[in-house]
Every structure is written in structure tokens, then in C-alpha cells.
Amino acid sequence: MPLYEAKNFEHLLGTPGFSDQLLKNHFTLYQGYVTNSNKLAEALLQMAKDGKTGTPEYAELKRRFGWEFNGMRLHEYYFENMTKNKVELNKDSSFYRKIEQDFGSFDVFSKDFKSTGAIRGIGWAVLYYDPVVKKMFNTWVNEHDVGHLAGCPIILIMDVFEHAFMIDYGLKRADYIEAFFHAIDWNVVTKRFENAQKL
């Protein structure tokens, strides 16, 4: 029995600004990360049992596991904070008040998050909450595995690999970012923030 199972995100089909073809391709790519995470976890355990931990093969698979695992998990966070039914952000929520406190205004936050997502390169734009100083940060994560803020839960995440937008938007990443912002499930984001505050 596999360690990880792919989640079904087909409820997102029909999301305005995202063609079904783009989403189906994205779901297939995500499923590949799940498959590879399972294969690597199994292979690494077998190599440990066989005493092959000192080999170059083991080292490369060990490095690769973090990349595949994060590819799986970050896509789950991404799809989970999207909805095809527009959800307005509750301006009376603790999340909204914290955004205003940490960024000065929601407008500054959104411009900063969108600008983070527009950085040249492939990766992710992530809103993290640091439970130590109780502050949120918009952060660029390169690929899947470089740039994470250790110990900080993800509150909102946007995929800015080309596969997330090129079928629909070509090189117009800014248009994709706007479409994503209209597809955010702010209820999920707010719940993540509330859970993060308990840490």
C-alpha cells in the first residue's frame, strides 16, 4: 500500500480563468509527484535495509526525495486554497486584521504577493506566518525546495511554474496572477491562519 495517495481536485474544474485542460494537466503533474514520492520512499528504505546508504545512488535519491515530496505537498496546499465559487475575504476576520497590521493595508499585501509571484524564474509565491515573532511574510520559494521559512506554516500559496498558466495565458503571467487572486478560497486561508496562531 502506497504511503501517499493523490487527492482529487476535480471540483476545481470550471474555475473562471482556468481552462479545464490546464487544470487537468496540472492534476496529472501533481499525481506524478505523489507517485515519485512513494517510489523514492520505498527505494530509500530498501537501500537502508540493504546497507547501501554509502552509495552515490542513495545520496542522489535522498536529495531528490525532498524535491518530489515538496512538489506533491505544495500542489496540495495550492489546489486547496482555490475555489471555483468566488469567496470574499471577511474584513472582520482575525486574518484580515493581521494583514493590515503586518503590511499596513490589504492593498499593500496583495501588491507585494503579486509582485513576489511575478519574479522571473520558476517557483512559488508563499504567504508564511512566523509563530515566533507572530508576523506574516510573502516569500519566494525557488523550484519546490529552496527558500522555505523553517517552522513557518503556509497560509496562502500560488504556483508560478509555467505549467500553472502557459496553456491559458502564454507569457502573460500577470494575467494568470489576477485570475488566481479571483479564485482564492479566503475561508481556507483564514482557517490556516487561525490554526497557525495556535502554534
C-alpha atoms as a PDB file:
ATOM      1  CA  MET A   1       0.000   0.000   0.000  1.00  0.00           C
ATOM      2  CA  PRO A   2       1.472   3.392  -1.017  1.00  0.00           C
ATOM      3  CA  LEU A   3       2.468   5.834   1.695  1.00  0.00           C
ATOM      4  CA  TYR A   4       0.820   8.766  -0.109  1.00  0.00           C
ATOM      5  CA  GLU A   5      -2.351   8.895  -2.197  1.00  0.00           C
ATOM      6  CA  ALA A   6      -3.188  11.625  -4.676  1.00  0.00           C
ATOM      7  CA  LYS A   7      -6.072  13.834  -3.640  1.00  0.00           C
ATOM      8  CA  ASN A   8      -8.896  14.536  -6.066  1.00  0.00           C
ATOM      9  CA  PHE A   9      -9.198  18.200  -7.013  1.00  0.00           C
ATOM     10  CA  GLU A  10     -11.617  17.808  -9.926  1.00  0.00           C
ATOM     11  CA  HIS A  11     -14.116  20.026  -8.073  1.00  0.00           C
ATOM     12  CA  LEU A  12     -11.949  22.904  -9.357  1.00  0.00           C
ATOM     13  CA  LEU A  13     -12.875  22.177 -12.981  1.00  0.00           C
ATOM     14  CA  GLY A  14     -14.860  25.136 -14.251  1.00  0.00           C
ATOM     15  CA  THR A  15     -12.914  27.700 -12.213  1.00  0.00           C
ATOM     16  CA  PRO A  16     -13.148  31.060 -14.023  1.00  0.00           C
ATOM     17  CA  GLY A  17      -9.825  31.998 -15.590  1.00  0.00           C
ATOM     18  CA  PHE A  18      -8.593  28.398 -15.653  1.00  0.00           C
ATOM     19  CA  SER A  19      -9.396  26.128 -18.573  1.00  0.00           C
ATOM     20  CA  ASP A  20     -10.280  22.538 -17.775  1.00  0.00           C
ATOM     21  CA  GLN A  21      -7.369  21.432 -19.961  1.00  0.00           C
ATOM     22  CA  LEU A  22      -4.897  23.465 -17.919  1.00  0.00           C
ATOM     23  CA  LEU A  23      -6.291  22.129 -14.644  1.00  0.00           C
ATOM     24  CA  LYS A  24      -6.359  18.509 -15.830  1.00  0.00           C
ATOM     25  CA  ASN A  25      -2.739  18.777 -16.967  1.00  0.00           C
ATOM     26  CA  HIS A  26      -1.845  20.289 -13.602  1.00  0.00           C
ATOM     27  CA  PHE A  27      -3.629  17.499 -11.707  1.00  0.00           C
ATOM     28  CA  THR A  28      -1.706  14.904 -13.745  1.00  0.00           C
ATOM     29  CA  LEU A  29       1.591  16.612 -12.956  1.00  0.00           C
ATOM     30  CA  TYR A  30       0.693  16.657  -9.245  1.00  0.00           C
ATOM     31  CA  GLN A  31      -0.150  12.951  -9.366  1.00  0.00           C
ATOM     32  CA  GLY A  32       3.339  12.344 -10.754  1.00  0.00           C
ATOM     33  CA  TYR A  33       4.856  13.937  -7.651  1.00  0.00           C
ATOM     34  CA  VAL A  34       2.755  11.644  -5.471  1.00  0.00           C
ATOM     35  CA  THR A  35       3.880   8.599  -7.446  1.00  0.00           C
ATOM     36  CA  ASN A  36       7.534   9.605  -7.294  1.00  0.00           C
ATOM     37  CA  SER A  37       7.381  10.391  -3.566  1.00  0.00           C
ATOM     38  CA  ASN A  38       6.098   6.871  -2.976  1.00  0.00           C
ATOM     39  CA  LYS A  39       8.733   5.296  -5.231  1.00  0.00           C
ATOM     40  CA  LEU A  40      11.568   7.194  -3.581  1.00  0.00           C
ATOM     41  CA  ALA A  41      10.377   6.494  -0.025  1.00  0.00           C
ATOM     42  CA  GLU A  42      10.232   2.792  -0.828  1.00  0.00           C
ATOM     43  CA  ALA A  43      13.579   2.726  -2.639  1.00  0.00           C
ATOM     44  CA  LEU A  44      15.364   4.633   0.138  1.00  0.00           C
ATOM     45  CA  LEU A  45      14.010   2.323   2.818  1.00  0.00           C
ATOM     46  CA  GLN A  46      15.113  -0.721   0.828  1.00  0.00           C
ATOM     47  CA  MET A  47      18.591   0.712   0.311  1.00  0.00           C
ATOM     48  CA  ALA A  48      18.852   1.385   4.055  1.00  0.00           C
ATOM     49  CA  LYS A  49      17.830  -2.220   4.779  1.00  0.00           C
ATOM     50  CA  ASP A  50      20.363  -3.480   2.219  1.00  0.00           C
ATOM     51  CA  GLY A  51      23.192  -1.422   3.709  1.00  0.00           C
ATOM     52  CA  LYS A  52      23.579   0.734   0.578  1.00  0.00           C
ATOM     53  CA  THR A  53      23.462   4.099   2.340  1.00  0.00           C
ATOM     54  CA  GLY A  54      27.039   4.956   1.446  1.00  0.00           C
ATOM     55  CA  THR A  55      26.430   4.863  -2.298  1.00  0.00           C
ATOM     56  CA  PRO A  56      26.135   7.780  -4.736  1.00  0.00           C
ATOM     57  CA  GLU A  57      22.741   6.377  -5.788  1.00  0.00           C
ATOM     58  CA  TYR A  58      21.441   6.625  -2.219  1.00  0.00           C
ATOM     59  CA  ALA A  59      22.717  10.196  -1.875  1.00  0.00           C
ATOM     60  CA  GLU A  60      21.034  11.312  -5.095  1.00  0.00           C
ATOM     61  CA  LEU A  61      17.731   9.656  -4.234  1.00  0.00           C
ATOM     62  CA  LYS A  62      17.846  11.191  -0.760  1.00  0.00           C
ATOM     63  CA  ARG A  63      18.321  14.648  -2.275  1.00  0.00           C
ATOM     64  CA  ARG A  64      15.570  14.015  -4.811  1.00  0.00           C
ATOM     65  CA  PHE A  65      13.035  12.943  -2.194  1.00  0.00           C
ATOM     66  CA  GLY A  66      12.672  16.460  -0.760  1.00  0.00           C
ATOM     67  CA  TRP A  67      12.056  17.885  -4.226  1.00  0.00           C
ATOM     68  CA  GLU A  68       9.391  15.318  -5.138  1.00  0.00           C
ATOM     69  CA  PHE A  69       7.753  15.482  -1.697  1.00  0.00           C
ATOM     70  CA  ASN A  70       7.538  19.278  -1.768  1.00  0.00           C
ATOM     71  CA  GLY A  71       6.214  19.115  -5.329  1.00  0.00           C
ATOM     72  CA  MET A  72       3.425  16.915  -4.002  1.00  0.00           C
ATOM     73  CA  ARG A  73       2.643  18.831  -0.831  1.00  0.00           C
ATOM     74  CA  LEU A  74       2.897  22.368  -2.228  1.00  0.00           C
ATOM     75  CA  HIS A  75       0.462  21.475  -5.007  1.00  0.00           C
ATOM     76  CA  GLU A  76      -1.966  20.193  -2.372  1.00  0.00           C
ATOM     77  CA  TYR A  77      -1.748  23.497  -0.498  1.00  0.00           C
ATOM     78  CA  TYR A  78      -2.201  25.347  -3.803  1.00  0.00           C
ATOM     79  CA  PHE A  79      -5.274  23.479  -5.011  1.00  0.00           C
ATOM     80  CA  GLU A  80      -6.775  23.522  -1.518  1.00  0.00           C
ATOM     81  CA  ASN A  81      -6.613  27.335  -1.343  1.00  0.00           C
ATOM     82  CA  MET A  82      -8.526  27.684  -4.628  1.00  0.00           C
ATOM     83  CA  THR A  83     -12.245  27.614  -5.378  1.00  0.00           C
ATOM     84  CA  LYS A  84     -14.397  27.976  -8.479  1.00  0.00           C
ATOM     85  CA  ASN A  85     -17.051  29.776  -6.427  1.00  0.00           C
ATOM     86  CA  LYS A  86     -15.912  33.282  -5.527  1.00  0.00           C
ATOM     87  CA  VAL A  87     -15.288  33.676  -1.790  1.00  0.00           C
ATOM     88  CA  GLU A  88     -14.983  37.180  -0.404  1.00  0.00           C
ATOM     89  CA  LEU A  89     -12.453  37.861   2.335  1.00  0.00           C
ATOM     90  CA  ASN A  90     -14.181  38.665   5.623  1.00  0.00           C
ATOM     91  CA  LYS A  91     -12.850  42.075   6.643  1.00  0.00           C
ATOM     92  CA  ASP A  92     -13.856  41.387  10.241  1.00  0.00           C
ATOM     93  CA  SER A  93     -11.697  38.252  10.403  1.00  0.00           C
ATOM     94  CA  SER A  94      -8.551  37.993  12.507  1.00  0.00           C
ATOM     95  CA  PHE A  95      -6.644  37.182   9.296  1.00  0.00           C
ATOM     96  CA  TYR A  96      -7.695  40.417   7.601  1.00  0.00           C
ATOM     97  CA  ARG A  97      -6.839  42.464  10.682  1.00  0.00           C
ATOM     98  CA  LYS A  98      -3.419  40.779  10.855  1.00  0.00           C
ATOM     99  CA  ILE A  99      -2.773  41.522   7.172  1.00  0.00           C
ATOM    100  CA  GLU A 100      -3.491  45.188   7.828  1.00  0.00           C
ATOM    101  CA  GLN A 101      -1.270  45.156  10.905  1.00  0.00           C
ATOM    102  CA  ASP A 102       1.688  43.439   9.220  1.00  0.00           C
ATOM    103  CA  PHE A 103       1.528  45.078   5.785  1.00  0.00           C
ATOM    104  CA  GLY A 104      -0.209  48.386   6.517  1.00  0.00           C
ATOM    105  CA  SER A 105      -3.177  47.540   4.284  1.00  0.00           C
ATOM    106  CA  PHE A 106      -4.642  44.673   2.294  1.00  0.00           C
ATOM    107  CA  ASP A 107      -3.729  46.548  -0.882  1.00  0.00           C
ATOM    108  CA  VAL A 108      -0.039  46.616   0.079  1.00  0.00           C
ATOM    109  CA  PHE A 109      -0.171  42.906   0.930  1.00  0.00           C
ATOM    110  CA  SER A 110      -1.807  41.952  -2.372  1.00  0.00           C
ATOM    111  CA  LYS A 111       0.601  44.074  -4.437  1.00  0.00           C
ATOM    112  CA  ASP A 112       3.553  42.555  -2.592  1.00  0.00           C
ATOM    113  CA  PHE A 113       2.237  38.994  -3.004  1.00  0.00           C
ATOM    114  CA  LYS A 114       1.548  39.527  -6.711  1.00  0.00           C
ATOM    115  CA  SER A 115       4.998  41.111  -7.187  1.00  0.00           C
ATOM    116  CA  THR A 116       6.574  38.121  -5.450  1.00  0.00           C
ATOM    117  CA  GLY A 117       4.767  35.836  -7.907  1.00  0.00           C
ATOM    118  CA  ALA A 118       5.959  37.957 -10.839  1.00  0.00           C
ATOM    119  CA  ILE A 119       9.656  37.443 -10.023  1.00  0.00           C
ATOM    120  CA  ARG A 120      11.495  35.997 -13.011  1.00  0.00           C
ATOM    121  CA  GLY A 121      12.054  32.287 -12.669  1.00  0.00           C
ATOM    122  CA  ILE A 122      10.017  29.254 -11.690  1.00  0.00           C
ATOM    123  CA  GLY A 123       8.753  28.659  -8.205  1.00  0.00           C
ATOM    124  CA  TRP A 124       6.083  29.642  -5.726  1.00  0.00           C
ATOM    125  CA  ALA A 125       4.802  32.764  -4.005  1.00  0.00           C
ATOM    126  CA  VAL A 126       4.025  31.915  -0.382  1.00  0.00           C
ATOM    127  CA  LEU A 127       2.478  33.827   2.492  1.00  0.00           C
ATOM    128  CA  TYR A 128       4.006  32.392   5.660  1.00  0.00           C
ATOM    129  CA  TYR A 129       3.185  33.044   9.301  1.00  0.00           C
ATOM    130  CA  ASP A 130       6.146  33.099  11.678  1.00  0.00           C
ATOM    131  CA  PRO A 131       4.786  31.902  15.044  1.00  0.00           C
ATOM    132  CA  VAL A 132       7.910  33.106  16.868  1.00  0.00           C
ATOM    133  CA  VAL A 133       7.506  36.826  16.150  1.00  0.00           C
ATOM    134  CA  LYS A 134       3.834  36.479  15.112  1.00  0.00           C
ATOM    135  CA  LYS A 135       4.307  38.115  11.719  1.00  0.00           C
ATOM    136  CA  MET A 136       3.438  37.196   8.129  1.00  0.00           C
ATOM    137  CA  PHE A 137       5.838  37.344   5.194  1.00  0.00           C
ATOM    138  CA  ASN A 138       5.399  36.997   1.429  1.00  0.00           C
ATOM    139  CA  THR A 139       8.255  34.781   0.265  1.00  0.00           C
ATOM    140  CA  TRP A 140       9.653  33.400  -2.983  1.00  0.00           C
ATOM    141  CA  VAL A 141      10.314  29.653  -2.981  1.00  0.00           C
ATOM    142  CA  ASN A 142      12.584  28.565  -5.809  1.00  0.00           C
ATOM    143  CA  GLU A 143      11.542  25.344  -7.559  1.00  0.00           C
ATOM    144  CA  HIS A 144       9.997  23.390  -4.650  1.00  0.00           C
ATOM    145  CA  ASP A 145      12.775  23.195  -2.141  1.00  0.00           C
ATOM    146  CA  VAL A 146      14.799  26.401  -1.776  1.00  0.00           C
ATOM    147  CA  GLY A 147      13.613  29.415   0.181  1.00  0.00           C
ATOM    148  CA  HIS A 148      11.185  27.927   2.686  1.00  0.00           C
ATOM    149  CA  LEU A 149      10.941  29.682   6.046  1.00  0.00           C
ATOM    150  CA  ALA A 150      11.696  26.954   8.594  1.00  0.00           C
ATOM    151  CA  GLY A 151       8.991  26.396  11.187  1.00  0.00           C
ATOM    152  CA  CYS A 152       6.532  28.716   9.458  1.00  0.00           C
ATOM    153  CA  PRO A 153       3.161  27.353   8.306  1.00  0.00           C
ATOM    154  CA  ILE A 154       1.884  28.175   4.823  1.00  0.00           C
ATOM    155  CA  ILE A 155      -1.134  30.481   4.830  1.00  0.00           C
ATOM    156  CA  LEU A 156      -1.512  31.131   1.075  1.00  0.00           C
ATOM    157  CA  ILE A 157       0.430  29.735  -1.864  1.00  0.00           C
ATOM    158  CA  MET A 158       0.480  30.378  -5.613  1.00  0.00           C
ATOM    159  CA  ASP A 159       2.201  28.200  -8.199  1.00  0.00           C
ATOM    160  CA  VAL A 160       4.204  30.223 -10.721  1.00  0.00           C
ATOM    161  CA  PHE A 161       5.794  27.403 -12.672  1.00  0.00           C
ATOM    162  CA  GLU A 162       4.920  27.787 -16.361  1.00  0.00           C
ATOM    163  CA  HIS A 163       2.653  24.732 -16.258  1.00  0.00           C
ATOM    164  CA  ALA A 164       0.303  26.651 -13.944  1.00  0.00           C
ATOM    165  CA  PHE A 165      -0.586  29.244 -16.589  1.00  0.00           C
ATOM    166  CA  MET A 166       1.016  28.944 -20.043  1.00  0.00           C
ATOM    167  CA  ILE A 167      -1.751  26.918 -21.721  1.00  0.00           C
ATOM    168  CA  ASP A 168      -4.214  29.710 -20.944  1.00  0.00           C
ATOM    169  CA  TYR A 169      -2.039  32.816 -20.678  1.00  0.00           C
ATOM    170  CA  GLY A 170       1.139  32.212 -22.667  1.00  0.00           C
ATOM    171  CA  LEU A 171       3.765  34.589 -21.290  1.00  0.00           C
ATOM    172  CA  LYS A 172       1.186  36.845 -19.590  1.00  0.00           C
ATOM    173  CA  ARG A 173       1.947  35.741 -16.045  1.00  0.00           C
ATOM    174  CA  ALA A 174       0.380  38.901 -14.597  1.00  0.00           C
ATOM    175  CA  ASP A 175      -2.988  37.930 -16.081  1.00  0.00           C
ATOM    176  CA  TYR A 176      -2.728  34.478 -14.506  1.00  0.00           C
ATOM    177  CA  ILE A 177      -1.879  36.043 -11.132  1.00  0.00           C
ATOM    178  CA  GLU A 178      -5.012  38.195 -11.345  1.00  0.00           C
ATOM    179  CA  ALA A 179      -7.125  35.143 -12.225  1.00  0.00           C
ATOM    180  CA  PHE A 180      -5.621  33.250  -9.300  1.00  0.00           C
ATOM    181  CA  PHE A 181      -6.484  36.087  -6.928  1.00  0.00           C
ATOM    182  CA  HIS A 182     -10.132  35.823  -8.004  1.00  0.00           C
ATOM    183  CA  ALA A 183     -10.021  32.047  -7.327  1.00  0.00           C
ATOM    184  CA  ILE A 184      -8.629  32.189  -3.782  1.00  0.00           C
ATOM    185  CA  ASP A 185     -10.735  30.471  -1.144  1.00  0.00           C
ATOM    186  CA  TRP A 186     -10.311  33.043   1.604  1.00  0.00           C
ATOM    187  CA  ASN A 187     -12.165  30.784   4.059  1.00  0.00           C
ATOM    188  CA  VAL A 188      -9.382  28.192   3.715  1.00  0.00           C
ATOM    189  CA  VAL A 189      -6.708  30.878   4.029  1.00  0.00           C
ATOM    190  CA  THR A 190      -8.348  32.348   7.130  1.00  0.00           C
ATOM    191  CA  LYS A 191      -8.633  28.890   8.704  1.00  0.00           C
ATOM    192  CA  ARG A 192      -4.952  28.221   8.054  1.00  0.00           C
ATOM    193  CA  PHE A 193      -4.073  31.486   9.767  1.00  0.00           C
ATOM    194  CA  GLU A 194      -6.276  30.669  12.758  1.00  0.00           C
ATOM    195  CA  ASN A 195      -4.624  27.256  13.073  1.00  0.00           C
ATOM    196  CA  ALA A 196      -1.146  28.797  12.759  1.00  0.00           C
ATOM    197  CA  GLN A 197      -1.857  31.138  15.670  1.00  0.00           C
ATOM    198  CA  LYS A 198      -2.281  28.125  17.939  1.00  0.00           C
ATOM    199  CA  LEU A 199       1.350  27.062  17.414  1.00  0.00           C
END
